C-alpha atoms as a PDB file:
ATOM      1  CA  MET A   1      51.853 325.137 179.311  1.00  0.00           C
ATOM      2  CA  GLN A   2      52.833 323.396 182.526  1.00  0.00           C
ATOM      3  CA  VAL A   3      49.935 321.285 183.785  1.00  0.00           C
ATOM      4  CA  TYR A   4      51.793 318.923 186.085  1.00  0.00           C
ATOM      5  CA  ASN A   5      53.423 321.294 188.563  1.00  0.00           C
ATOM      6  CA  SER A   6      51.696 319.633 191.535  1.00  0.00           C
ATOM      7  CA  CYS A   7      52.952 316.152 190.684  1.00  0.00           C
ATOM      8  CA  ASP A   8      56.411 316.229 192.251  1.00  0.00           C
ATOM      9  CA  LYS A   9      55.445 313.297 194.511  1.00  0.00           C
ATOM     10  CA  LEU A  10      55.061 311.152 191.447  1.00  0.00           C
ATOM     11  CA  TYR A  11      58.743 311.435 190.553  1.00  0.00           C
ATOM     12  CA  LYS A  12      59.727 310.441 194.074  1.00  0.00           C
ATOM     13  CA  SER A  13      57.433 307.429 193.942  1.00  0.00           C
ATOM     14  CA  LEU A  14      59.127 305.695 190.971  1.00  0.00           C
ATOM     15  CA  ASP A  15      60.817 303.167 193.201  1.00  0.00           C
ATOM     16  CA  LYS A  16      61.022 300.234 190.849  1.00  0.00           C
ATOM     17  CA  PHE A  17      60.947 299.614 187.083  1.00  0.00           C
ATOM     18  CA  ARG A  18      60.512 296.194 185.529  1.00  0.00           C
ATOM     19  CA  GLU A  19      60.463 295.925 181.750  1.00  0.00           C
ATOM     20  CA  ASN A  20      58.224 293.183 180.305  1.00  0.00           C
ATOM     21  CA  ASP A  21      58.345 291.535 176.889  1.00  0.00           C
ATOM     22  CA  TYR A  22      55.591 293.675 175.323  1.00  0.00           C
ATOM     23  CA  THR A  23      56.755 296.665 173.276  1.00  0.00           C
ATOM     24  CA  GLU A  24      54.993 299.255 171.142  1.00  0.00           C
ATOM     25  CA  ILE A  25      56.604 301.419 168.428  1.00  0.00           C
ATOM     26  CA  VAL A  26      55.681 305.072 168.384  1.00  0.00           C
ATOM     27  CA  ILE A  27      56.841 307.761 165.981  1.00  0.00           C
ATOM     28  CA  LYS A  28      58.535 310.884 167.398  1.00  0.00           C
ATOM     29  CA  GLN A  29      59.552 313.898 165.383  1.00  0.00           C
ATOM     30  CA  THR A  30      62.355 316.183 166.581  1.00  0.00           C
ATOM     31  CA  LYS A  31      63.532 319.202 164.623  1.00  0.00           C
ATOM     32  CA  GLY A  32      62.025 317.885 161.400  1.00  0.00           C
ATOM     33  CA  ALA A  33      63.509 314.397 161.674  1.00  0.00           C
ATOM     34  CA  VAL A  34      61.276 311.419 162.265  1.00  0.00           C
ATOM     35  CA  LYS A  35      62.551 309.083 164.976  1.00  0.00           C
ATOM     36  CA  ILE A  36      61.195 305.914 166.512  1.00  0.00           C
ATOM     37  CA  MET A  37      60.114 305.939 170.165  1.00  0.00           C
ATOM     38  CA  LYS A  38      59.767 302.442 171.642  1.00  0.00           C
ATOM     39  CA  ARG A  39      57.110 301.967 174.281  1.00  0.00           C
ATOM     40  CA  SER A  40      57.506 299.153 176.785  1.00  0.00           C
ATOM     41  CA  VAL A  41      55.402 297.883 179.654  1.00  0.00           C
ATOM     42  CA  TYR A  42      56.892 298.681 183.067  1.00  0.00           C
ATOM     43  CA  SER A  43      55.916 297.847 186.625  1.00  0.00           C
ATOM     44  CA  LEU A  44      55.881 300.924 188.876  1.00  0.00           C
ATOM     45  CA  VAL A  45      55.516 301.048 192.646  1.00  0.00           C
ATOM     46  CA  LEU A  46      53.516 304.235 193.345  1.00  0.00           C
ATOM     47  CA  ALA A  47      51.736 305.653 196.354  1.00  0.00           C
ATOM     48  CA  ASP A  48      47.982 305.100 196.355  1.00  0.00           C
ATOM     49  CA  ASP A  49      47.180 308.770 196.944  1.00  0.00           C
ATOM     50  CA  VAL A  50      49.373 309.733 193.947  1.00  0.00           C
ATOM     51  CA  ILE A  51      47.519 307.287 191.676  1.00  0.00           C
ATOM     52  CA  ALA A  52      44.188 308.576 192.925  1.00  0.00           C
ATOM     53  CA  GLU A  53      45.140 312.118 191.914  1.00  0.00           C
ATOM     54  CA  ILE A  54      46.576 310.917 188.586  1.00  0.00           C
ATOM     55  CA  ASP A  55      43.325 309.087 187.786  1.00  0.00           C
ATOM     56  CA  LYS A  56      41.267 312.195 188.564  1.00  0.00           C
ATOM     57  CA  LEU A  57      43.461 314.330 186.320  1.00  0.00           C
ATOM     58  CA  ALA A  58      43.451 311.703 183.553  1.00  0.00           C
ATOM     59  CA  PHE A  59      39.649 311.606 183.642  1.00  0.00           C
ATOM     60  CA  LYS A  60      39.458 315.382 183.324  1.00  0.00           C
ATOM     61  CA  MET A  61      41.871 315.326 180.418  1.00  0.00           C
ATOM     62  CA  ASN A  62      40.061 312.422 178.744  1.00  0.00           C
ATOM     63  CA  THR A  63      43.183 310.276 178.619  1.00  0.00           C
ATOM     64  CA  SER A  64      44.511 307.115 180.208  1.00  0.00           C
ATOM     65  CA  ARG A  65      46.560 306.768 183.396  1.00  0.00           C
ATOM     66  CA  SER A  66      49.546 305.402 181.464  1.00  0.00           C
ATOM     67  CA  ASN A  67      49.454 308.175 178.900  1.00  0.00           C
ATOM     68  CA  LEU A  68      49.224 310.879 181.548  1.00  0.00           C
ATOM     69  CA  ILE A  69      52.164 309.475 183.536  1.00  0.00           C
ATOM     70  CA  ASN A  70      54.112 309.259 180.276  1.00  0.00           C
ATOM     71  CA  GLN A  71      53.342 312.932 179.578  1.00  0.00           C
ATOM     72  CA  ILE A  72      54.360 313.967 183.100  1.00  0.00           C
ATOM     73  CA  LEU A  73      57.692 312.168 182.874  1.00  0.00           C
ATOM     74  CA  ALA A  74      58.352 313.423 179.327  1.00  0.00           C
ATOM     75  CA  GLU A  75      57.796 316.998 180.500  1.00  0.00           C
ATOM     76  CA  ARG A  76      60.090 316.443 183.476  1.00  0.00           C
ATOM     77  CA  VAL A  77      62.941 315.287 181.234  1.00  0.00           C
ATOM     78  CA  GLN A  78      62.037 317.758 178.474  1.00  0.00           C
ATOM     79  CA  LEU A  79      61.079 315.277 175.781  1.00  0.00           C
ATOM     80  CA  MET A  80      58.455 316.166 173.145  1.00  0.00           C
ATOM     81  CA  THR A  81      55.842 313.416 172.871  1.00  0.00           C
ATOM     82  CA  PRO A  82      53.281 313.095 170.018  1.00  0.00           C
ATOM     83  CA  GLU A  83      50.516 314.195 172.401  1.00  0.00           C
ATOM     84  CA  MET A  84      52.416 317.336 173.386  1.00  0.00           C
ATOM     85  CA  ARG A  85      52.995 318.155 169.755  1.00  0.00           C
ATOM     86  CA  MET A  86      49.299 317.642 168.964  1.00  0.00           C
ATOM     87  CA  ARG A  87      48.370 320.107 171.713  1.00  0.00           C
ATOM     88  CA  GLU A  88      50.758 322.698 170.276  1.00  0.00           C
ATOM     89  CA  ILE A  89      49.317 322.245 166.747  1.00  0.00           C
ATOM     90  CA  PHE A  90      45.710 322.406 167.905  1.00  0.00           C
ATOM     91  CA  SER A  91      46.388 325.439 170.088  1.00  0.00           C
ATOM     92  CA  ARG A  92      47.833 327.287 167.071  1.00  0.00           C
ATOM     93  CA  MET A  93      44.890 326.183 164.899  1.00  0.00           C
ATOM     94  CA  GLU A  94      42.368 327.514 167.407  1.00  0.00           C
ATOM     95  CA  SER A  95      44.229 330.829 167.444  1.00  0.00           C
ATOM     96  CA  LEU A  96      44.338 330.984 163.652  1.00  0.00           C
ATOM     97  CA  MET A  97      40.688 330.056 163.171  1.00  0.00           C
ATOM     98  CA  GLY A  98      39.360 332.549 165.718  1.00  0.00           C
ATOM     99  CA  SER A  99      35.785 333.793 165.548  1.00  0.00           C
ATOM    100  CA  PRO A 100      33.274 332.670 164.284  1.00  0.00           C
ATOM    101  CA  PHE A 101      34.681 329.132 164.700  1.00  0.00           C
ATOM    102  CA  GLN A 102      34.069 327.695 168.181  1.00  0.00           C
ATOM    103  CA  ALA A 103      36.212 324.942 169.647  1.00  0.00           C
ATOM    104  CA  MET A 104      34.270 321.978 171.038  1.00  0.00           C
ATOM    105  CA  SER A 105      35.305 319.826 173.977  1.00  0.00           C
ATOM    106  CA  GLN A 106      38.013 317.358 172.938  1.00  0.00           C
ATOM    107  CA  THR A 107      37.160 313.657 172.921  1.00  0.00           C
ATOM    108  CA  SER A 108      40.797 312.718 172.274  1.00  0.00           C
ATOM    109  CA  ASP A 109      44.288 314.240 172.355  1.00  0.00           C
ATOM    110  CA  ALA A 110      44.435 313.549 168.623  1.00  0.00           C
ATOM    111  CA  VAL A 111      41.217 315.353 167.593  1.00  0.00           C
ATOM    112  CA  LEU A 112      40.285 319.034 167.321  1.00  0.00           C
ATOM    113  CA  ALA A 113      36.591 319.701 166.756  1.00  0.00           C
ATOM    114  CA  LEU A 114      35.274 323.100 165.655  1.00  0.00           C
ATOM    115  CA  ARG A 115      31.757 324.270 164.918  1.00  0.00           C
ATOM    116  CA  LYS A 116      30.306 327.200 163.028  1.00  0.00           C
ATOM    117  CA  SER A 117      26.836 328.377 162.119  1.00  0.00           C
ATOM    118  CA  LEU A 118      25.863 328.492 158.459  1.00  0.00           C
ATOM    119  CA  ASN A 119      24.171 331.689 157.337  1.00  0.00           C
ATOM    120  CA  TYR A 120      20.955 329.937 156.370  1.00  0.00           C
ATOM    121  CA  LYS A 121      17.483 329.710 157.853  1.00  0.00           C
ATOM    122  CA  TYR A 122      17.540 328.261 161.378  1.00  0.00           C
ATOM    123  CA  TYR A 123      21.356 328.673 161.329  1.00  0.00           C
ATOM    124  CA  PRO A 124      22.350 325.000 161.144  1.00  0.00           C
ATOM    125  CA  THR A 125      25.732 324.014 162.557  1.00  0.00           C
ATOM    126  CA  ILE A 126      28.702 322.822 160.536  1.00  0.00           C
ATOM    127  CA  LYS A 127      31.168 320.666 162.438  1.00  0.00           C
ATOM    128  CA  TYR A 128      34.790 320.383 161.380  1.00  0.00           C
ATOM    129  CA  SER A 129      36.681 317.554 163.087  1.00  0.00           C
ATOM    130  CA  PHE A 130      40.396 317.158 162.349  1.00  0.00           C
ATOM    131  CA  GLU A 131      42.250 314.053 163.563  1.00  0.00           C
ATOM    132  CA  LEU A 132      46.060 314.172 163.639  1.00  0.00           C
ATOM    133  CA  PHE A 133      47.919 310.923 163.102  1.00  0.00           C
ATOM    134  CA  ARG A 134      50.893 310.194 165.413  1.00  0.00           C
ATOM    135  CA  SER A 135      53.513 310.005 162.635  1.00  0.00           C
ATOM    136  CA  PHE A 136      53.003 313.666 161.512  1.00  0.00           C
ATOM    137  CA  SER A 137      54.245 312.488 158.102  1.00  0.00           C
ATOM    138  CA  GLY A 138      52.914 310.419 155.222  1.00  0.00           C
ATOM    139  CA  CYS A 139      49.180 310.466 155.908  1.00  0.00           C
ATOM    140  CA  VAL A 140      49.131 313.435 158.289  1.00  0.00           C
ATOM    141  CA  GLY A 141      45.496 313.398 159.351  1.00  0.00           C
ATOM    142  CA  ARG A 142      41.803 313.270 158.451  1.00  0.00           C
ATOM    143  CA  LEU A 143      39.232 316.046 158.226  1.00  0.00           C
ATOM    144  CA  LYS A 144      35.535 315.298 158.717  1.00  0.00           C
ATOM    145  CA  VAL A 145      32.878 317.868 157.781  1.00  0.00           C
ATOM    146  CA  ASN A 146      29.237 317.319 158.592  1.00  0.00           C
ATOM    147  CA  PHE A 147      26.042 319.266 159.232  1.00  0.00           C
ATOM    148  CA  ARG A 148      23.628 319.114 162.096  1.00  0.00           C
ATOM    149  CA  THR A 149      20.349 319.657 160.298  1.00  0.00           C
ATOM    150  CA  GLN A 150      17.107 317.786 159.588  1.00  0.00           C
ATOM    151  CA  SER A 151      16.512 319.749 156.365  1.00  0.00           C
ATOM    152  CA  LYS A 152      16.633 317.302 153.459  1.00  0.00           C
ATOM    153  CA  SER A 153      16.936 320.122 150.951  1.00  0.00           C
ATOM    154  CA  LEU A 154      19.998 321.503 152.772  1.00  0.00           C
ATOM    155  CA  ILE A 155      21.571 318.063 153.011  1.00  0.00           C
ATOM    156  CA  ASP A 156      21.031 317.610 149.255  1.00  0.00           C
ATOM    157  CA  THR A 157      22.524 321.039 148.543  1.00  0.00           C
ATOM    158  CA  VAL A 158      25.553 320.397 150.692  1.00  0.00           C
ATOM    159  CA  SER A 159      26.057 316.933 149.152  1.00  0.00           C
ATOM    160  CA  LYS A 160      26.059 318.542 145.695  1.00  0.00           C
ATOM    161  CA  PHE A 161      28.680 321.024 146.951  1.00  0.00           C
ATOM    162  CA  PHE A 162      30.890 318.213 148.237  1.00  0.00           C
ATOM    163  CA  GLU A 163      30.640 316.478 144.857  1.00  0.00           C
ATOM    164  CA  LEU A 164      31.643 319.731 143.151  1.00  0.00           C
ATOM    165  CA  TRP A 165      34.498 320.176 145.633  1.00  0.00           C
ATOM    166  CA  ALA A 166      35.732 316.630 145.019  1.00  0.00           C
ATOM    167  CA  GLU A 167      35.608 317.267 141.268  1.00  0.00           C
ATOM    168  CA  ILE A 168      37.754 320.380 141.613  1.00  0.00           C
ATOM    169  CA  GLU A 169      40.237 318.619 143.904  1.00  0.00           C
ATOM    170  CA  GLU A 170      40.506 315.685 141.487  1.00  0.00           C
ATOM    171  CA  LYS A 171      41.136 318.047 138.594  1.00  0.00           C
ATOM    172  CA  TYR A 172      44.018 319.878 140.267  1.00  0.00           C
ATOM    173  CA  VAL A 173      45.632 317.459 142.732  1.00  0.00           C
ATOM    174  CA  GLY A 174      44.330 314.038 141.728  1.00  0.00           C
ATOM    175  CA  LYS A 175      47.561 313.337 139.847  1.00  0.00           C
ATOM    176  CA  TYR A 176      49.444 313.140 143.149  1.00  0.00           C
ATOM    177  CA  PHE A 177      47.396 310.140 144.315  1.00  0.00           C
ATOM    178  CA  THR A 178      47.460 306.634 142.867  1.00  0.00           C
ATOM    179  CA  ASN A 179      43.737 306.068 143.331  1.00  0.00           C
ATOM    180  CA  GLY A 180      42.561 309.658 143.189  1.00  0.00           C
ATOM    181  CA  VAL A 181      42.041 312.228 145.952  1.00  0.00           C
ATOM    182  CA  PRO A 182      41.314 310.373 149.259  1.00  0.00           C
ATOM    183  CA  CYS A 183      37.838 311.796 149.751  1.00  0.00           C
ATOM    184  CA  ARG A 184      34.543 310.150 150.833  1.00  0.00           C
ATOM    185  CA  ILE A 185      31.089 311.726 150.576  1.00  0.00           C
ATOM    186  CA  SER A 186      27.752 310.556 152.012  1.00  0.00           C
ATOM    187  CA  ASP A 187      24.529 312.288 153.124  1.00  0.00           C
ATOM    188  CA  GLY A 188      25.957 315.742 153.689  1.00  0.00           C
ATOM    189  CA  ARG A 189      29.226 314.455 155.097  1.00  0.00           C
ATOM    190  CA  LEU A 190      32.755 314.743 153.762  1.00  0.00           C
ATOM    191  CA  GLU A 191      35.903 312.941 154.845  1.00  0.00           C
ATOM    192  CA  ARG A 192      39.268 313.989 153.460  1.00  0.00           C
ATOM    193  CA  ASP A 193      42.688 312.492 154.203  1.00  0.00           C
ATOM    194  CA  PHE A 194      45.735 314.762 154.031  1.00  0.00           C
ATOM    195  CA  TYR A 195      49.211 313.640 152.877  1.00  0.00           C
ATOM    196  CA  GLU A 196      52.650 315.129 153.115  1.00  0.00           C
ATOM    197  CA  ILE A 197      53.858 315.827 149.547  1.00  0.00           C
ATOM    198  CA  ARG A 198      57.554 316.216 150.290  1.00  0.00           C
ATOM    199  CA  THR A 199      60.061 314.351 152.440  1.00  0.00           C
ATOM    200  CA  GLY A 200      61.900 315.755 155.435  1.00  0.00           C
ATOM    201  CA  GLY A 201      59.055 316.117 157.886  1.00  0.00           C
ATOM    202  CA  LEU A 202      56.547 318.840 158.617  1.00  0.00           C
ATOM    203  CA  SER A 203      56.808 321.575 161.217  1.00  0.00           C
ATOM    204  CA  ASP A 204      53.976 322.329 163.636  1.00  0.00           C
ATOM    205  CA  LYS A 205      53.443 325.633 161.857  1.00  0.00           C
ATOM    206  CA  GLU A 206      53.156 324.005 158.428  1.00  0.00           C
ATOM    207  CA  ILE A 207      50.524 321.553 159.644  1.00  0.00           C
ATOM    208  CA  SER A 208      48.442 324.032 161.654  1.00  0.00           C
ATOM    209  CA  ASP A 209      48.616 326.811 159.051  1.00  0.00           C
ATOM    210  CA  TRP A 210      47.722 324.655 156.108  1.00  0.00           C
ATOM    211  CA  VAL A 211      44.910 322.673 157.734  1.00  0.00           C
ATOM    212  CA  SER A 212      43.428 325.889 159.228  1.00  0.00           C
ATOM    213  CA  GLY A 213      43.588 327.513 155.804  1.00  0.00           C
ATOM    214  CA  TYR A 214      41.911 324.529 154.141  1.00  0.00           C
ATOM    215  CA  ILE A 215      39.045 324.536 156.667  1.00  0.00           C
ATOM    216  CA  GLN A 216      38.546 328.282 156.252  1.00  0.00           C
ATOM    217  CA  LEU A 217      38.557 327.929 152.480  1.00  0.00           C
ATOM    218  CA  ILE A 218      36.021 325.103 152.320  1.00  0.00           C
ATOM    219  CA  ASP A 219      33.830 326.947 154.854  1.00  0.00           C
ATOM    220  CA  ARG A 220      33.770 330.074 152.682  1.00  0.00           C
ATOM    221  CA  CYS A 221      32.994 327.983 149.626  1.00  0.00           C
ATOM    222  CA  ILE A 222      30.153 326.149 151.362  1.00  0.00           C
ATOM    223  CA  GLN A 223      28.524 329.469 152.292  1.00  0.00           C
ATOM    224  CA  LEU A 224      29.032 330.797 148.756  1.00  0.00           C
ATOM    225  CA  TYR A 225      27.481 327.699 147.188  1.00  0.00           C
ATOM    226  CA  VAL A 226      24.450 327.724 149.568  1.00  0.00           C
ATOM    227  CA  ASP A 227      23.902 331.401 148.802  1.00  0.00           C
ATOM    228  CA  ASN A 228      24.095 330.885 145.032  1.00  0.00           C
ATOM    229  CA  CYS A 229      22.991 327.293 144.422  1.00  0.00           C
ATOM    230  CA  ASP A 230      20.508 328.583 141.788  1.00  0.00           C
ATOM    231  CA  LYS A 231      23.491 329.665 139.661  1.00  0.00           C
ATOM    232  CA  PRO A 232      25.542 326.429 139.530  1.00  0.00           C
ATOM    233  CA  SER A 233      27.881 327.248 136.630  1.00  0.00           C
ATOM    234  CA  GLN A 234      28.711 330.723 137.945  1.00  0.00           C
ATOM    235  CA  VAL A 235      29.365 329.594 141.487  1.00  0.00           C
ATOM    236  CA  PHE A 236      31.428 326.656 140.238  1.00  0.00           C
ATOM    237  CA  ASP A 237      33.797 329.025 138.407  1.00  0.00           C
ATOM    238  CA  THR A 238      34.166 331.226 141.476  1.00  0.00           C
ATOM    239  CA  ILE A 239      34.875 328.329 143.815  1.00  0.00           C
ATOM    240  CA  GLU A 240      37.363 326.853 141.324  1.00  0.00           C
ATOM    241  CA  LYS A 241      39.262 330.158 141.212  1.00  0.00           C
ATOM    242  CA  MET A 242      39.350 330.332 145.019  1.00  0.00           C
ATOM    243  CA  TYR A 243      40.734 326.780 145.143  1.00  0.00           C
ATOM    244  CA  ILE A 244      43.426 327.522 142.542  1.00  0.00           C
ATOM    245  CA  GLN A 245      44.484 330.641 144.419  1.00  0.00           C
ATOM    246  CA  ASN A 246      44.888 328.614 147.604  1.00  0.00           C
ATOM    247  CA  LEU A 247      47.203 326.178 145.759  1.00  0.00           C
ATOM    248  CA  LYS A 248      49.224 329.063 144.344  1.00  0.00           C
ATOM    249  CA  ASP A 249      50.048 330.175 147.840  1.00  0.00           C
ATOM    250  CA  GLY A 250      52.041 326.937 148.214  1.00  0.00           C
ATOM    251  CA  THR A 251      51.289 323.833 150.226  1.00  0.00           C
ATOM    252  CA  PRO A 252      53.348 321.130 151.964  1.00  0.00           C
ATOM    253  CA  ILE A 253      50.237 318.932 152.324  1.00  0.00           C
ATOM    254  CA  LEU A 254      47.564 317.694 149.907  1.00  0.00           C
END
C-alpha cells in the first residue's frame, strides 16, 4: 500500500547528508536470506513545511520522524525495511483471523493486538498481543494472552488452563529448548516466545500462517476448557489431541 504519495517534496529537500560516528545495526531479510542493514545518523536540510507534515503523519502512524522518513525513502528506492515487512505479516494475519477476532489500534509497528469475546457470562474479553522481533529469525516474536475480567473464579479457571497448556507444550516440544518451553504464566496471563526451528529464514507467509493458527488453536482450547472445566481429565485429553494434530500439520516455528 502506498501511503507516501504526497511526499514528493521530501525527496527534493534532501540537500545535504552528513554522516556522524554513531551507527546502529539492523537486520534485513531479503528472499529468505538475512542481511545486515547499518543505520547511521545523518544531518538533513529539509523545508519546515515538509517536516511539519511529516510530524503530523508520524503522529498518526504512532512512529518517529526518523523512522517515517526512513520508510518513505525505502519505498522510493524499493527497499523492504523490517517495518514494511511487519505490516505485510500483520495484514495477512488480520485477514486469516477474520471474525470474531477484532484488530485493536496499534501501539507500535512491531505489535498486532487482537481481541475476542469469551462465550461466558458477561462475555469477558480475551486480548491476544503478538510482538514481532526485527530479525524475523531465531526468536521470532512473543505472544501475550490476557483476560479483561474482575471474576476471580474465571481468572483461576484460565490460569489452570494455561498450566495445562504449558504441560502439553512441554511434553511435545520441550525437548527443542535447553531450559524448557519459553512460557510464563501469572494471574490469568500467558506469555510465549516463538523460535525458528530451522535455518534459512522464514517467509512472511510462514510467520503469519503459523502464528495465526496458534492463536486460533489456543483460543478454541480456552473456550473448550471453560465450557468443560468440571471434566478436567476428559477435556485434557481432547485439548492434547488438538495440539498434536496442529503439530502434525507441520511447523517452521515452535
